[in-house]
Amino acid sequence: WRYLCGTNDGTLATRDALRMRQVVSSDWYQELWGDKIKLSNEQADKGLFANTARGHRESQGILAKVTGKRGDMLLIDDPHDTKQVESEVQRNAVVEAFDMAWSSRRNDLENSPIIIVMQRVHYADMTAQALAKRGWVRLAIPMRYDPDITYDPAKDLGRPDLADPRKV
């Protein structure tokens, strides 16, 4: 698989890529999957590294150019900087980058998943943009357990493993 990953800041994207690289390089990971996946020495940048099965992870800031880049999965983590999200210009730049560029960077426009991990930071943030369109599944995990929550991922997605284990 090829992953295209973005976040609100390029240094955070690099940090997360390095953490993933550490996991894949760990003895634990290599004992379990080392016979299938090894990191390639041919492409080993911090923000772009590949494996021997022709997969890769490319990581960058959400506002960086993505023309020519593609992924089997898009992973977007905290696309909005909480200090800039109140700025309509900054907020719209992130939403537009996702809508006009990132969303079309999937290898399979019908089936390649996009995962956005974020807390809601504004009523017009990227989550609002995604939820206004069809085909998105929202998994909301409240900070505190709420027995009255109307979204139940165990039931709604058919995934009992996603049931909230917390109780009042």
N, C-alpha and C. Protein backbone atom coordinates (compact mmCIF):
# COMPACT_ATOMS: atom_id res chain seq x y z
N TRP A 1 0.83 -1.19 0.00
CA TRP A 1 0.00 0.00 0.00
C TRP A 1 0.87 1.23 0.00
N ARG A 2 0.30 2.29 -0.57
CA ARG A 2 0.98 3.58 -0.58
C ARG A 2 0.11 4.56 0.19
N TYR A 3 0.72 5.19 1.17
CA TYR A 3 0.01 6.11 2.05
C TYR A 3 0.45 7.53 1.74
N LEU A 4 -0.52 8.41 1.63
CA LEU A 4 -0.26 9.84 1.52
C LEU A 4 -0.84 10.47 2.78
N CYS A 5 0.03 11.06 3.59
CA CYS A 5 -0.36 11.53 4.92
C CYS A 5 -0.14 13.03 5.04
N GLY A 6 -1.08 13.70 5.70
CA GLY A 6 -0.96 15.13 5.88
C GLY A 6 -1.42 15.57 7.25
N THR A 7 -0.88 16.67 7.69
CA THR A 7 -1.29 17.29 8.94
C THR A 7 -1.13 18.80 8.79
N ASN A 8 -1.48 19.55 9.83
CA ASN A 8 -1.48 21.01 9.70
C ASN A 8 -0.07 21.60 9.59
N ASP A 9 0.95 20.82 9.88
CA ASP A 9 2.31 21.35 9.88
C ASP A 9 3.27 20.27 9.37
N GLY A 10 4.17 20.65 8.49
CA GLY A 10 5.12 19.70 7.93
C GLY A 10 6.00 19.03 8.96
N THR A 11 6.37 19.75 10.03
CA THR A 11 7.22 19.13 11.05
C THR A 11 6.47 18.04 11.81
N LEU A 12 5.16 18.22 12.01
CA LEU A 12 4.36 17.17 12.64
C LEU A 12 4.23 15.97 11.72
N ALA A 13 4.10 16.21 10.43
CA ALA A 13 4.03 15.11 9.47
C ALA A 13 5.32 14.29 9.50
N THR A 14 6.46 14.97 9.58
CA THR A 14 7.75 14.29 9.67
C THR A 14 7.86 13.51 10.97
N ARG A 15 7.44 14.12 12.08
CA ARG A 15 7.47 13.44 13.37
C ARG A 15 6.67 12.14 13.32
N ASP A 16 5.45 12.20 12.77
CA ASP A 16 4.60 11.02 12.71
C ASP A 16 5.18 9.96 11.78
N ALA A 17 5.78 10.39 10.68
CA ALA A 17 6.41 9.44 9.76
C ALA A 17 7.58 8.73 10.45
N LEU A 18 8.37 9.48 11.20
CA LEU A 18 9.48 8.87 11.92
C LEU A 18 9.00 7.87 12.96
N ARG A 19 7.90 8.18 13.62
CA ARG A 19 7.34 7.25 14.61
C ARG A 19 6.88 5.96 13.94
N MET A 20 6.24 6.09 12.78
CA MET A 20 5.82 4.88 12.07
C MET A 20 7.03 4.07 11.63
N ARG A 21 8.03 4.75 11.15
CA ARG A 21 9.26 4.08 10.73
C ARG A 21 9.89 3.33 11.89
N GLN A 22 9.87 3.92 13.08
CA GLN A 22 10.40 3.25 14.27
C GLN A 22 9.62 1.98 14.59
N VAL A 23 8.29 2.05 14.45
CA VAL A 23 7.47 0.86 14.70
C VAL A 23 7.81 -0.24 13.71
N VAL A 24 7.86 0.10 12.41
CA VAL A 24 8.13 -0.90 11.37
C VAL A 24 9.53 -1.48 11.53
N SER A 25 10.46 -0.70 12.03
CA SER A 25 11.84 -1.16 12.23
C SER A 25 12.03 -1.92 13.54
N SER A 26 11.06 -1.86 14.42
CA SER A 26 11.22 -2.47 15.75
C SER A 26 11.34 -3.99 15.68
N ASP A 27 12.00 -4.56 16.67
CA ASP A 27 12.14 -6.01 16.75
C ASP A 27 10.77 -6.68 16.79
N TRP A 28 9.83 -6.10 17.55
CA TRP A 28 8.48 -6.65 17.67
C TRP A 28 7.83 -6.78 16.30
N TYR A 29 7.84 -5.70 15.52
CA TYR A 29 7.22 -5.69 14.20
C TYR A 29 7.93 -6.67 13.27
N GLN A 30 9.23 -6.63 13.28
CA GLN A 30 10.00 -7.49 12.38
C GLN A 30 9.82 -8.97 12.71
N GLU A 31 9.66 -9.30 13.99
CA GLU A 31 9.40 -10.69 14.36
C GLU A 31 8.06 -11.16 13.80
N LEU A 32 7.06 -10.29 13.82
CA LEU A 32 5.72 -10.66 13.36
C LEU A 32 5.57 -10.59 11.83
N TRP A 33 6.13 -9.55 11.20
CA TRP A 33 5.89 -9.33 9.77
C TRP A 33 7.15 -9.12 8.95
N GLY A 34 8.30 -9.29 9.54
CA GLY A 34 9.56 -9.03 8.83
C GLY A 34 9.78 -9.88 7.60
N ASP A 35 9.14 -11.05 7.56
CA ASP A 35 9.27 -11.89 6.37
C ASP A 35 8.46 -11.33 5.19
N LYS A 36 7.52 -10.42 5.47
CA LYS A 36 6.68 -9.86 4.42
C LYS A 36 7.06 -8.43 4.06
N ILE A 37 7.40 -7.62 5.07
CA ILE A 37 7.66 -6.20 4.84
C ILE A 37 8.99 -5.80 5.48
N LYS A 38 9.83 -5.20 4.67
CA LYS A 38 11.08 -4.61 5.16
C LYS A 38 11.20 -3.23 4.53
N LEU A 39 11.81 -2.32 5.24
CA LEU A 39 12.03 -0.99 4.68
C LEU A 39 13.11 -1.06 3.61
N SER A 40 12.93 -0.28 2.58
CA SER A 40 13.87 -0.22 1.48
C SER A 40 14.97 0.79 1.79
N ASN A 41 16.18 0.47 1.40
CA ASN A 41 17.30 1.42 1.55
C ASN A 41 17.33 2.41 0.39
N GLU A 42 16.59 2.12 -0.68
CA GLU A 42 16.61 2.98 -1.86
C GLU A 42 15.84 4.28 -1.66
N GLN A 43 14.79 4.26 -0.85
CA GLN A 43 14.00 5.47 -0.57
C GLN A 43 13.79 5.54 0.93
N ALA A 44 14.58 6.38 1.60
CA ALA A 44 14.54 6.39 3.05
C ALA A 44 14.58 7.80 3.63
N ASP A 45 13.91 8.75 2.97
CA ASP A 45 13.81 10.10 3.52
C ASP A 45 12.90 10.08 4.75
N LYS A 46 13.00 11.10 5.57
CA LYS A 46 12.12 11.19 6.73
C LYS A 46 10.66 11.30 6.31
N GLY A 47 10.39 12.11 5.31
CA GLY A 47 9.01 12.33 4.90
C GLY A 47 8.51 11.39 3.83
N LEU A 48 9.40 10.61 3.24
CA LEU A 48 9.01 9.64 2.22
C LEU A 48 9.92 8.43 2.33
N PHE A 49 9.36 7.33 2.80
CA PHE A 49 10.14 6.10 2.83
C PHE A 49 9.32 4.98 2.23
N ALA A 50 10.05 4.01 1.68
CA ALA A 50 9.41 2.91 0.96
C ALA A 50 9.76 1.59 1.60
N ASN A 51 8.99 0.56 1.22
CA ASN A 51 9.31 -0.80 1.65
C ASN A 51 9.67 -1.64 0.43
N THR A 52 10.10 -2.85 0.69
CA THR A 52 10.55 -3.73 -0.39
C THR A 52 9.40 -4.28 -1.21
N ALA A 53 8.15 -4.07 -0.78
CA ALA A 53 6.98 -4.54 -1.53
C ALA A 53 6.39 -3.42 -2.40
N ARG A 54 7.17 -2.37 -2.64
CA ARG A 54 6.80 -1.23 -3.47
C ARG A 54 5.73 -0.32 -2.84
N GLY A 55 5.53 -0.46 -1.56
CA GLY A 55 4.66 0.45 -0.84
C GLY A 55 5.47 1.62 -0.31
N HIS A 56 4.79 2.66 0.13
CA HIS A 56 5.51 3.78 0.74
C HIS A 56 4.58 4.60 1.62
N ARG A 57 5.19 5.48 2.39
CA ARG A 57 4.47 6.47 3.17
C ARG A 57 5.09 7.82 2.85
N GLU A 58 4.24 8.74 2.38
CA GLU A 58 4.69 10.10 2.11
C GLU A 58 3.91 11.02 3.02
N SER A 59 4.63 11.89 3.75
CA SER A 59 4.01 12.74 4.76
C SER A 59 4.40 14.18 4.54
N GLN A 60 3.41 15.08 4.71
CA GLN A 60 3.67 16.50 4.51
C GLN A 60 2.57 17.34 5.14
N GLY A 61 2.76 18.64 5.12
CA GLY A 61 1.74 19.55 5.60
C GLY A 61 0.55 19.57 4.65
N ILE A 62 -0.62 19.82 5.18
CA ILE A 62 -1.86 19.77 4.39
C ILE A 62 -1.88 20.82 3.28
N LEU A 63 -1.18 21.93 3.47
CA LEU A 63 -1.17 22.99 2.46
C LEU A 63 -0.04 22.84 1.45
N ALA A 64 0.80 21.82 1.61
CA ALA A 64 1.87 21.57 0.64
C ALA A 64 1.27 21.03 -0.66
N LYS A 65 1.98 21.17 -1.74
CA LYS A 65 1.48 20.72 -3.04
C LYS A 65 1.43 19.19 -3.09
N VAL A 66 0.34 18.67 -3.63
CA VAL A 66 0.20 17.22 -3.77
C VAL A 66 0.07 16.79 -5.24
N THR A 67 0.20 17.72 -6.16
CA THR A 67 0.12 17.38 -7.57
C THR A 67 1.16 16.31 -7.89
N GLY A 68 0.72 15.25 -8.55
CA GLY A 68 1.63 14.17 -8.93
C GLY A 68 1.79 13.11 -7.87
N LYS A 69 1.25 13.33 -6.68
CA LYS A 69 1.36 12.36 -5.60
C LYS A 69 0.05 11.60 -5.49
N ARG A 70 0.14 10.34 -5.11
CA ARG A 70 -1.06 9.50 -5.00
C ARG A 70 -0.88 8.54 -3.85
N GLY A 71 -2.01 8.01 -3.38
CA GLY A 71 -1.95 7.01 -2.33
C GLY A 71 -3.11 6.04 -2.42
N ASP A 72 -2.90 4.85 -1.92
CA ASP A 72 -3.99 3.88 -1.79
C ASP A 72 -4.86 4.24 -0.60
N MET A 73 -4.29 5.01 0.32
CA MET A 73 -5.03 5.51 1.48
C MET A 73 -4.50 6.90 1.81
N LEU A 74 -5.43 7.80 2.13
CA LEU A 74 -5.05 9.12 2.61
C LEU A 74 -5.28 9.15 4.11
N LEU A 75 -4.28 9.57 4.85
CA LEU A 75 -4.39 9.72 6.30
C LEU A 75 -4.17 11.19 6.62
N ILE A 76 -5.17 11.83 7.20
CA ILE A 76 -5.07 13.25 7.53
C ILE A 76 -5.31 13.39 9.02
N ASP A 77 -4.33 13.94 9.72
CA ASP A 77 -4.39 14.06 11.17
C ASP A 77 -4.33 15.54 11.55
N ASP A 78 -5.35 15.99 12.25
CA ASP A 78 -5.42 17.39 12.71
C ASP A 78 -5.03 18.37 11.61
N PRO A 79 -5.85 18.48 10.57
CA PRO A 79 -5.51 19.36 9.47
C PRO A 79 -5.52 20.85 9.82
N HIS A 80 -6.30 21.22 10.84
CA HIS A 80 -6.38 22.63 11.24
C HIS A 80 -5.48 22.91 12.43
N ASP A 81 -4.75 23.99 12.35
CA ASP A 81 -4.00 24.49 13.50
C ASP A 81 -5.00 25.22 14.39
N THR A 82 -5.12 24.82 15.63
CA THR A 82 -6.13 25.41 16.52
C THR A 82 -5.90 26.91 16.73
N LYS A 83 -4.69 27.38 16.54
CA LYS A 83 -4.41 28.81 16.70
C LYS A 83 -4.80 29.62 15.47
N GLN A 84 -5.04 28.93 14.34
CA GLN A 84 -5.37 29.64 13.11
C GLN A 84 -6.78 29.35 12.60
N VAL A 85 -7.49 28.42 13.22
CA VAL A 85 -8.78 27.99 12.68
C VAL A 85 -9.85 29.08 12.73
N GLU A 86 -9.71 30.05 13.62
CA GLU A 86 -10.68 31.14 13.66
C GLU A 86 -10.53 32.09 12.48
N SER A 87 -9.38 32.04 11.84
CA SER A 87 -9.18 32.86 10.64
C SER A 87 -9.91 32.19 9.48
N GLU A 88 -10.88 32.89 8.91
CA GLU A 88 -11.63 32.34 7.79
C GLU A 88 -10.71 32.01 6.62
N VAL A 89 -9.70 32.84 6.40
CA VAL A 89 -8.76 32.62 5.30
C VAL A 89 -7.99 31.32 5.53
N GLN A 90 -7.44 31.14 6.74
CA GLN A 90 -6.67 29.93 7.04
C GLN A 90 -7.55 28.68 7.00
N ARG A 91 -8.72 28.77 7.63
CA ARG A 91 -9.64 27.63 7.68
C ARG A 91 -10.07 27.22 6.28
N ASN A 92 -10.45 28.19 5.47
CA ASN A 92 -10.87 27.89 4.11
C ASN A 92 -9.74 27.35 3.25
N ALA A 93 -8.51 27.79 3.51
CA ALA A 93 -7.36 27.27 2.76
C ALA A 93 -7.20 25.77 3.00
N VAL A 94 -7.38 25.35 4.24
CA VAL A 94 -7.26 23.92 4.58
C VAL A 94 -8.41 23.14 3.95
N VAL A 95 -9.62 23.64 4.11
CA VAL A 95 -10.79 22.95 3.54
C VAL A 95 -10.66 22.86 2.02
N GLU A 96 -10.22 23.94 1.39
CA GLU A 96 -10.06 23.95 -0.07
C GLU A 96 -8.94 23.01 -0.51
N ALA A 97 -7.85 22.97 0.25
CA ALA A 97 -6.75 22.05 -0.09
C ALA A 97 -7.24 20.62 -0.08
N PHE A 98 -8.05 20.28 0.91
CA PHE A 98 -8.60 18.93 0.96
C PHE A 98 -9.57 18.70 -0.19
N ASP A 99 -10.49 19.61 -0.37
CA ASP A 99 -11.56 19.43 -1.35
C ASP A 99 -11.05 19.44 -2.79
N MET A 100 -10.14 20.34 -3.10
CA MET A 100 -9.69 20.53 -4.47
C MET A 100 -8.45 19.71 -4.84
N ALA A 101 -7.67 19.31 -3.86
CA ALA A 101 -6.42 18.62 -4.18
C ALA A 101 -6.34 17.23 -3.54
N TRP A 102 -6.33 17.18 -2.22
CA TRP A 102 -6.12 15.91 -1.52
C TRP A 102 -7.15 14.85 -1.89
N SER A 103 -8.40 15.21 -1.94
CA SER A 103 -9.45 14.21 -2.16
C SER A 103 -9.33 13.52 -3.52
N SER A 104 -8.62 14.12 -4.46
CA SER A 104 -8.46 13.50 -5.78
C SER A 104 -7.12 12.77 -5.93
N ARG A 105 -6.39 12.63 -4.86
CA ARG A 105 -5.06 12.01 -4.91
C ARG A 105 -5.09 10.51 -4.62
N ARG A 106 -6.27 9.93 -4.60
CA ARG A 106 -6.39 8.49 -4.32
C ARG A 106 -6.17 7.68 -5.59
N ASN A 107 -5.51 6.55 -5.44
CA ASN A 107 -5.29 5.68 -6.59
C ASN A 107 -6.60 5.13 -7.14
N ASP A 108 -7.54 4.85 -6.28
CA ASP A 108 -8.85 4.36 -6.69
C ASP A 108 -9.89 5.30 -6.10
N LEU A 109 -10.42 6.19 -6.91
CA LEU A 109 -11.33 7.23 -6.42
C LEU A 109 -12.60 6.67 -5.82
N GLU A 110 -12.97 5.46 -6.16
CA GLU A 110 -14.18 4.84 -5.62
C GLU A 110 -13.93 4.10 -4.32
N ASN A 111 -12.77 3.47 -4.18
CA ASN A 111 -12.55 2.55 -3.07
C ASN A 111 -11.41 2.89 -2.13
N SER A 112 -10.49 3.72 -2.54
CA SER A 112 -9.37 4.06 -1.64
C SER A 112 -9.89 4.90 -0.48
N PRO A 113 -9.63 4.48 0.75
CA PRO A 113 -10.17 5.21 1.90
C PRO A 113 -9.43 6.51 2.20
N ILE A 114 -10.16 7.41 2.82
CA ILE A 114 -9.60 8.63 3.39
C ILE A 114 -9.95 8.59 4.87
N ILE A 115 -8.96 8.72 5.71
CA ILE A 115 -9.19 8.76 7.15
C ILE A 115 -8.77 10.13 7.66
N ILE A 116 -9.69 10.82 8.29
CA ILE A 116 -9.41 12.12 8.90
C ILE A 116 -9.55 11.94 10.40
N VAL A 117 -8.48 12.21 11.13
CA VAL A 117 -8.48 12.13 12.58
C VAL A 117 -8.35 13.56 13.10
N MET A 118 -9.37 14.01 13.81
CA MET A 118 -9.30 15.38 14.31
C MET A 118 -10.37 15.62 15.36
N GLN A 119 -10.12 16.62 16.17
CA GLN A 119 -11.17 17.10 17.06
C GLN A 119 -11.88 18.23 16.33
N ARG A 120 -13.15 18.39 16.62
CA ARG A 120 -13.88 19.50 16.01
C ARG A 120 -13.36 20.80 16.61
N VAL A 121 -12.97 21.73 15.74
CA VAL A 121 -12.40 22.99 16.19
C VAL A 121 -13.17 24.21 15.71
N HIS A 122 -14.12 23.99 14.79
CA HIS A 122 -14.91 25.10 14.26
C HIS A 122 -16.10 24.50 13.54
N TYR A 123 -17.21 25.22 13.52
CA TYR A 123 -18.41 24.69 12.86
C TYR A 123 -18.22 24.54 11.35
N ALA A 124 -17.22 25.22 10.76
CA ALA A 124 -16.98 25.14 9.32
C ALA A 124 -15.62 24.50 9.02
N ASP A 125 -15.18 23.57 9.87
CA ASP A 125 -13.88 22.93 9.68
C ASP A 125 -13.97 21.80 8.65
N MET A 126 -12.88 21.07 8.46
CA MET A 126 -12.84 20.02 7.45
C MET A 126 -13.85 18.92 7.72
N THR A 127 -14.12 18.60 8.98
CA THR A 127 -15.13 17.59 9.29
C THR A 127 -16.49 18.04 8.78
N ALA A 128 -16.82 19.30 8.99
CA ALA A 128 -18.10 19.82 8.49
C ALA A 128 -18.17 19.67 6.98
N GLN A 129 -17.08 19.94 6.30
CA GLN A 129 -17.03 19.80 4.83
C GLN A 129 -17.27 18.35 4.43
N ALA A 130 -16.62 17.41 5.11
CA ALA A 130 -16.77 15.99 4.78
C ALA A 130 -18.18 15.51 5.07
N LEU A 131 -18.72 15.89 6.22
CA LEU A 131 -20.04 15.41 6.60
C LEU A 131 -21.15 15.99 5.72
N ALA A 132 -20.89 17.12 5.08
CA ALA A 132 -21.88 17.71 4.19
C ALA A 132 -22.00 16.91 2.88
N LYS A 133 -21.03 16.03 2.65
CA LYS A 133 -21.04 15.21 1.43
C LYS A 133 -21.49 13.80 1.78
N ARG A 134 -21.91 13.07 0.80
CA ARG A 134 -22.36 11.70 1.01
C ARG A 134 -21.17 10.74 1.05
N GLY A 135 -21.38 9.61 1.72
CA GLY A 135 -20.39 8.55 1.69
C GLY A 135 -19.40 8.53 2.84
N TRP A 136 -19.47 9.49 3.72
CA TRP A 136 -18.55 9.53 4.84
C TRP A 136 -19.15 8.79 6.03
N VAL A 137 -18.32 8.11 6.78
CA VAL A 137 -18.71 7.46 8.03
C VAL A 137 -18.00 8.21 9.14
N ARG A 138 -18.74 8.61 10.15
CA ARG A 138 -18.18 9.37 11.26
C ARG A 138 -18.08 8.47 12.48
N LEU A 139 -16.90 8.39 13.03
CA LEU A 139 -16.68 7.68 14.29
C LEU A 139 -16.32 8.74 15.32
N ALA A 140 -17.24 9.04 16.21
CA ALA A 140 -17.02 10.08 17.22
C ALA A 140 -16.77 9.40 18.56
N ILE A 141 -15.66 9.73 19.15
CA ILE A 141 -15.33 9.20 20.47
C ILE A 141 -15.31 10.38 21.43
N PRO A 142 -16.37 10.52 22.24
CA PRO A 142 -16.41 11.66 23.16
C PRO A 142 -15.34 11.54 24.24
N MET A 143 -14.90 12.70 24.73
CA MET A 143 -13.88 12.71 25.77
C MET A 143 -14.38 11.99 27.02
N ARG A 144 -15.63 12.20 27.34
CA ARG A 144 -16.25 11.54 28.50
C ARG A 144 -17.36 10.64 28.02
N TYR A 145 -17.57 9.55 28.71
CA TYR A 145 -18.63 8.62 28.35
C TYR A 145 -19.99 9.29 28.41
N ASP A 146 -20.80 9.07 27.40
CA ASP A 146 -22.13 9.65 27.34
C ASP A 146 -23.11 8.53 26.96
N PRO A 147 -23.92 8.05 27.91
CA PRO A 147 -24.83 6.94 27.61
C PRO A 147 -25.93 7.33 26.62
N ASP A 148 -26.14 8.62 26.41
CA ASP A 148 -27.20 9.07 25.49
C ASP A 148 -26.70 9.34 24.08
N ILE A 149 -25.44 9.02 23.82
CA ILE A 149 -24.90 9.31 22.48
C ILE A 149 -25.69 8.52 21.44
N THR A 150 -26.00 9.16 20.34
CA THR A 150 -26.86 8.54 19.34
C THR A 150 -26.07 7.73 18.32
N TYR A 151 -24.75 7.89 18.27
CA TYR A 151 -23.95 7.15 17.31
C TYR A 151 -23.29 5.97 18.02
N ASP A 152 -23.55 4.77 17.55
CA ASP A 152 -23.00 3.57 18.13
C ASP A 152 -22.21 2.83 17.05
N PRO A 153 -20.88 2.98 17.02
CA PRO A 153 -20.11 2.35 15.95
C PRO A 153 -20.23 0.83 15.94
N ALA A 154 -20.42 0.24 17.12
CA ALA A 154 -20.57 -1.22 17.16
C ALA A 154 -21.79 -1.65 16.36
N LYS A 155 -22.88 -0.91 16.53
CA LYS A 155 -24.12 -1.24 15.82
C LYS A 155 -24.13 -0.66 14.41
N ASP A 156 -23.79 0.63 14.27
CA ASP A 156 -23.92 1.32 12.99
C ASP A 156 -22.93 0.80 11.93
N LEU A 157 -21.75 0.36 12.36
CA LEU A 157 -20.76 -0.14 11.41
C LEU A 157 -20.66 -1.66 11.42
N GLY A 158 -21.41 -2.29 12.33
CA GLY A 158 -21.31 -3.75 12.45
C GLY A 158 -19.97 -4.18 12.99
N ARG A 159 -19.39 -3.35 13.86
CA ARG A 159 -18.07 -3.64 14.42
C ARG A 159 -18.14 -3.65 15.94
N PRO A 160 -18.48 -4.80 16.54
CA PRO A 160 -18.57 -4.86 17.99
C PRO A 160 -17.26 -4.48 18.69
N ASP A 161 -16.14 -4.63 18.01
CA ASP A 161 -14.84 -4.28 18.59
C ASP A 161 -14.70 -2.77 18.82
N LEU A 162 -15.58 -1.97 18.21
CA LEU A 162 -15.51 -0.51 18.38
C LEU A 162 -16.47 -0.01 19.45
N ALA A 163 -17.15 -0.91 20.16
CA ALA A 163 -18.05 -0.50 21.23
C ALA A 163 -17.28 0.24 22.32
N ASP A 164 -17.87 1.30 22.83
CA ASP A 164 -17.22 2.09 23.87
C ASP A 164 -17.25 1.29 25.18
N PRO A 165 -16.08 0.92 25.71
CA PRO A 165 -16.04 0.11 26.93
C PRO A 165 -16.28 0.90 28.21
N ARG A 166 -16.33 2.23 28.09
CA ARG A 166 -16.49 3.07 29.28
C ARG A 166 -17.92 3.03 29.78
N LYS A 167 -18.07 3.13 31.09
CA LYS A 167 -19.39 3.14 31.72
C LYS A 167 -19.50 4.38 32.61
N VAL A 168 -20.72 4.72 32.98
CA VAL A 168 -20.96 5.91 33.82
C VAL A 168 -20.30 5.69 35.18
